Amino acid sequence: MGEIIVVIKSRAGALRFYDELRSYNISCRLINTPKEAKTGCGLSVKLLAKDLKRAQIILSRGIVGVEGIFSVERGGLKKIG
Protein backbone atom coordinates (compact mmCIF):
# COMPACT_ATOMS: atom_id res chain seq x y z
CA MET A 1 0.00 0.00 0.00
CA GLY A 2 1.41 3.39 -1.03
CA GLU A 3 1.96 6.48 1.04
CA ILE A 4 1.15 10.11 0.35
CA ILE A 5 2.84 13.24 1.67
CA VAL A 6 0.83 16.45 1.88
CA VAL A 7 3.11 19.51 2.02
CA ILE A 8 1.53 22.46 3.82
CA LYS A 9 2.48 26.16 3.60
CA SER A 10 2.65 26.78 7.36
CA ARG A 11 3.52 24.78 10.46
CA ALA A 12 0.24 25.80 12.09
CA GLY A 13 -1.63 24.58 8.99
CA ALA A 14 0.21 21.25 9.05
CA LEU A 15 -0.68 20.76 12.71
CA ARG A 16 -4.29 21.69 12.07
CA PHE A 17 -4.56 19.30 9.10
CA TYR A 18 -2.97 16.51 11.15
CA ASP A 19 -5.43 17.09 14.01
CA GLU A 20 -8.36 17.16 11.59
CA LEU A 21 -7.30 13.87 9.98
CA ARG A 22 -6.92 12.25 13.40
CA SER A 23 -10.38 13.46 14.44
CA TYR A 24 -11.76 11.35 11.54
CA ASN A 25 -9.64 8.35 12.56
CA ILE A 26 -7.41 8.67 9.51
CA SER A 27 -4.00 7.22 10.29
CA CYS A 28 -1.29 9.82 9.66
CA ARG A 29 2.04 11.17 10.91
CA LEU A 30 3.73 14.55 11.06
CA ILE A 31 7.09 14.37 9.31
CA ASN A 32 9.87 16.69 8.21
CA THR A 33 9.23 17.71 4.61
CA PRO A 34 11.58 15.74 2.32
CA LYS A 35 14.14 17.85 0.47
CA GLU A 36 12.81 16.51 -2.84
CA ALA A 37 9.57 18.46 -2.30
CA LYS A 38 11.53 21.76 -2.50
CA THR A 39 8.64 23.64 -0.90
CA GLY A 40 6.61 24.11 2.26
CA CYS A 41 7.30 25.10 5.83
CA GLY A 42 9.37 22.05 6.73
CA LEU A 43 6.52 20.07 8.26
CA SER A 44 4.27 17.72 6.27
CA VAL A 45 1.61 15.10 6.88
CA LYS A 46 2.12 11.52 5.69
CA LEU A 47 -0.83 9.19 5.21
CA LEU A 48 -1.79 6.02 3.38
CA ALA A 49 -2.81 6.37 -0.27
CA LYS A 50 -6.10 4.62 0.49
CA ASP A 51 -7.09 7.61 2.66
CA LEU A 52 -6.31 10.28 0.04
CA LYS A 53 -9.92 10.85 -1.05
CA ARG A 54 -11.03 11.41 2.56
CA ALA A 55 -8.06 13.74 3.14
CA GLN A 56 -8.93 15.73 0.00
CA ILE A 57 -12.44 16.29 1.35
CA ILE A 58 -10.91 17.81 4.48
CA LEU A 59 -8.53 19.91 2.37
CA SER A 60 -11.43 21.16 0.23
CA ARG A 61 -12.80 22.96 3.29
CA GLY A 62 -9.90 25.39 2.93
CA ILE A 63 -8.57 25.01 6.46
CA VAL A 64 -4.93 24.87 5.32
CA GLY A 65 -2.82 26.01 2.39
CA VAL A 66 -1.42 23.06 0.46
CA GLU A 67 1.89 23.42 -1.39
CA GLY A 68 1.66 19.99 -3.00
CA ILE A 69 0.61 16.37 -2.69
CA PHE A 70 3.26 13.76 -3.40
CA SER A 71 3.24 10.01 -3.82
CA VAL A 72 6.13 8.22 -2.13
CA GLU A 73 7.84 6.19 -4.87
CA ARG A 74 10.83 3.89 -4.81
CA GLY A 75 13.04 6.52 -6.50
CA GLY A 76 11.74 9.49 -4.48
CA LEU A 77 8.63 11.64 -4.61
CA LYS A 78 6.18 12.10 -7.48
CA LYS A 79 3.94 15.15 -7.44
CA ILE A 80 0.30 14.18 -7.88
CA GLY A 81 -1.47 17.34 -6.79
C-alpha atoms as a PDB file:
ATOM      1  CA  MET A   1       0.000   0.000   0.000  1.00  0.00           C
ATOM      2  CA  GLY A   2       1.413   3.388  -1.034  1.00  0.00           C
ATOM      3  CA  GLU A   3       1.957   6.480   1.043  1.00  0.00           C
ATOM      4  CA  ILE A   4       1.154  10.112   0.352  1.00  0.00           C
ATOM      5  CA  ILE A   5       2.840  13.241   1.669  1.00  0.00           C
ATOM      6  CA  VAL A   6       0.830  16.454   1.881  1.00  0.00           C
ATOM      7  CA  VAL A   7       3.109  19.505   2.024  1.00  0.00           C
ATOM      8  CA  ILE A   8       1.531  22.460   3.824  1.00  0.00           C
ATOM      9  CA  LYS A   9       2.478  26.164   3.601  1.00  0.00           C
ATOM     10  CA  SER A  10       2.648  26.783   7.365  1.00  0.00           C
ATOM     11  CA  ARG A  11       3.522  24.779  10.459  1.00  0.00           C
ATOM     12  CA  ALA A  12       0.242  25.797  12.089  1.00  0.00           C
ATOM     13  CA  GLY A  13      -1.627  24.582   8.993  1.00  0.00           C
ATOM     14  CA  ALA A  14       0.213  21.247   9.049  1.00  0.00           C
ATOM     15  CA  LEU A  15      -0.678  20.756  12.711  1.00  0.00           C
ATOM     16  CA  ARG A  16      -4.292  21.692  12.071  1.00  0.00           C
ATOM     17  CA  PHE A  17      -4.563  19.303   9.102  1.00  0.00           C
ATOM     18  CA  TYR A  18      -2.972  16.511  11.155  1.00  0.00           C
ATOM     19  CA  ASP A  19      -5.432  17.087  14.014  1.00  0.00           C
ATOM     20  CA  GLU A  20      -8.362  17.158  11.591  1.00  0.00           C
ATOM     21  CA  LEU A  21      -7.304  13.869   9.984  1.00  0.00           C
ATOM     22  CA  ARG A  22      -6.920  12.251  13.402  1.00  0.00           C
ATOM     23  CA  SER A  23     -10.384  13.459  14.442  1.00  0.00           C
ATOM     24  CA  TYR A  24     -11.764  11.354  11.543  1.00  0.00           C
ATOM     25  CA  ASN A  25      -9.638   8.352  12.561  1.00  0.00           C
ATOM     26  CA  ILE A  26      -7.407   8.673   9.505  1.00  0.00           C
ATOM     27  CA  SER A  27      -4.001   7.219  10.291  1.00  0.00           C
ATOM     28  CA  CYS A  28      -1.288   9.822   9.657  1.00  0.00           C
ATOM     29  CA  ARG A  29       2.035  11.171  10.912  1.00  0.00           C
ATOM     30  CA  LEU A  30       3.730  14.546  11.060  1.00  0.00           C
ATOM     31  CA  ILE A  31       7.094  14.372   9.306  1.00  0.00           C
ATOM     32  CA  ASN A  32       9.868  16.694   8.211  1.00  0.00           C
ATOM     33  CA  THR A  33       9.230  17.706   4.612  1.00  0.00           C
ATOM     34  CA  PRO A  34      11.581  15.735   2.324  1.00  0.00           C
ATOM     35  CA  LYS A  35      14.136  17.852   0.469  1.00  0.00           C
ATOM     36  CA  GLU A  36      12.809  16.509  -2.838  1.00  0.00           C
ATOM     37  CA  ALA A  37       9.574  18.464  -2.304  1.00  0.00           C
ATOM     38  CA  LYS A  38      11.529  21.762  -2.500  1.00  0.00           C
ATOM     39  CA  THR A  39       8.641  23.638  -0.902  1.00  0.00           C
ATOM     40  CA  GLY A  40       6.613  24.115   2.262  1.00  0.00           C
ATOM     41  CA  CYS A  41       7.302  25.096   5.829  1.00  0.00           C
ATOM     42  CA  GLY A  42       9.374  22.054   6.733  1.00  0.00           C
ATOM     43  CA  LEU A  43       6.517  20.068   8.256  1.00  0.00           C
ATOM     44  CA  SER A  44       4.271  17.724   6.267  1.00  0.00           C
ATOM     45  CA  VAL A  45       1.613  15.100   6.876  1.00  0.00           C
ATOM     46  CA  LYS A  46       2.120  11.523   5.695  1.00  0.00           C
ATOM     47  CA  LEU A  47      -0.831   9.188   5.213  1.00  0.00           C
ATOM     48  CA  LEU A  48      -1.786   6.021   3.382  1.00  0.00           C
ATOM     49  CA  ALA A  49      -2.806   6.368  -0.269  1.00  0.00           C
ATOM     50  CA  LYS A  50      -6.101   4.618   0.489  1.00  0.00           C
ATOM     51  CA  ASP A  51      -7.090   7.606   2.657  1.00  0.00           C
ATOM     52  CA  LEU A  52      -6.307  10.276   0.043  1.00  0.00           C
ATOM     53  CA  LYS A  53      -9.924  10.854  -1.046  1.00  0.00           C
ATOM     54  CA  ARG A  54     -11.027  11.415   2.555  1.00  0.00           C
ATOM     55  CA  ALA A  55      -8.064  13.737   3.143  1.00  0.00           C
ATOM     56  CA  GLN A  56      -8.926  15.729   0.003  1.00  0.00           C
ATOM     57  CA  ILE A  57     -12.440  16.291   1.351  1.00  0.00           C
ATOM     58  CA  ILE A  58     -10.910  17.808   4.482  1.00  0.00           C
ATOM     59  CA  LEU A  59      -8.533  19.915   2.367  1.00  0.00           C
ATOM     60  CA  SER A  60     -11.431  21.163   0.232  1.00  0.00           C
ATOM     61  CA  ARG A  61     -12.796  22.958   3.287  1.00  0.00           C
ATOM     62  CA  GLY A  62      -9.903  25.388   2.927  1.00  0.00           C
ATOM     63  CA  ILE A  63      -8.566  25.007   6.458  1.00  0.00           C
ATOM     64  CA  VAL A  64      -4.931  24.873   5.316  1.00  0.00           C
ATOM     65  CA  GLY A  65      -2.820  26.011   2.393  1.00  0.00           C
ATOM     66  CA  VAL A  66      -1.422  23.063   0.457  1.00  0.00           C
ATOM     67  CA  GLU A  67       1.886  23.422  -1.390  1.00  0.00           C
ATOM     68  CA  GLY A  68       1.665  19.988  -3.000  1.00  0.00           C
ATOM     69  CA  ILE A  69       0.612  16.373  -2.693  1.00  0.00           C
ATOM     70  CA  PHE A  70       3.260  13.757  -3.402  1.00  0.00           C
ATOM     71  CA  SER A  71       3.240  10.008  -3.824  1.00  0.00           C
ATOM     72  CA  VAL A  72       6.131   8.221  -2.130  1.00  0.00           C
ATOM     73  CA  GLU A  73       7.843   6.193  -4.867  1.00  0.00           C
ATOM     74  CA  ARG A  74      10.833   3.890  -4.812  1.00  0.00           C
ATOM     75  CA  GLY A  75      13.041   6.517  -6.505  1.00  0.00           C
ATOM     76  CA  GLY A  76      11.736   9.485  -4.476  1.00  0.00           C
ATOM     77  CA  LEU A  77       8.630  11.644  -4.611  1.00  0.00           C
ATOM     78  CA  LYS A  78       6.184  12.095  -7.475  1.00  0.00           C
ATOM     79  CA  LYS A  79       3.938  15.154  -7.436  1.00  0.00           C
ATOM     80  CA  ILE A  80       0.296  14.182  -7.884  1.00  0.00           C
ATOM     81  CA  GLY A  81      -1.465  17.336  -6.792  1.00  0.00           C
END
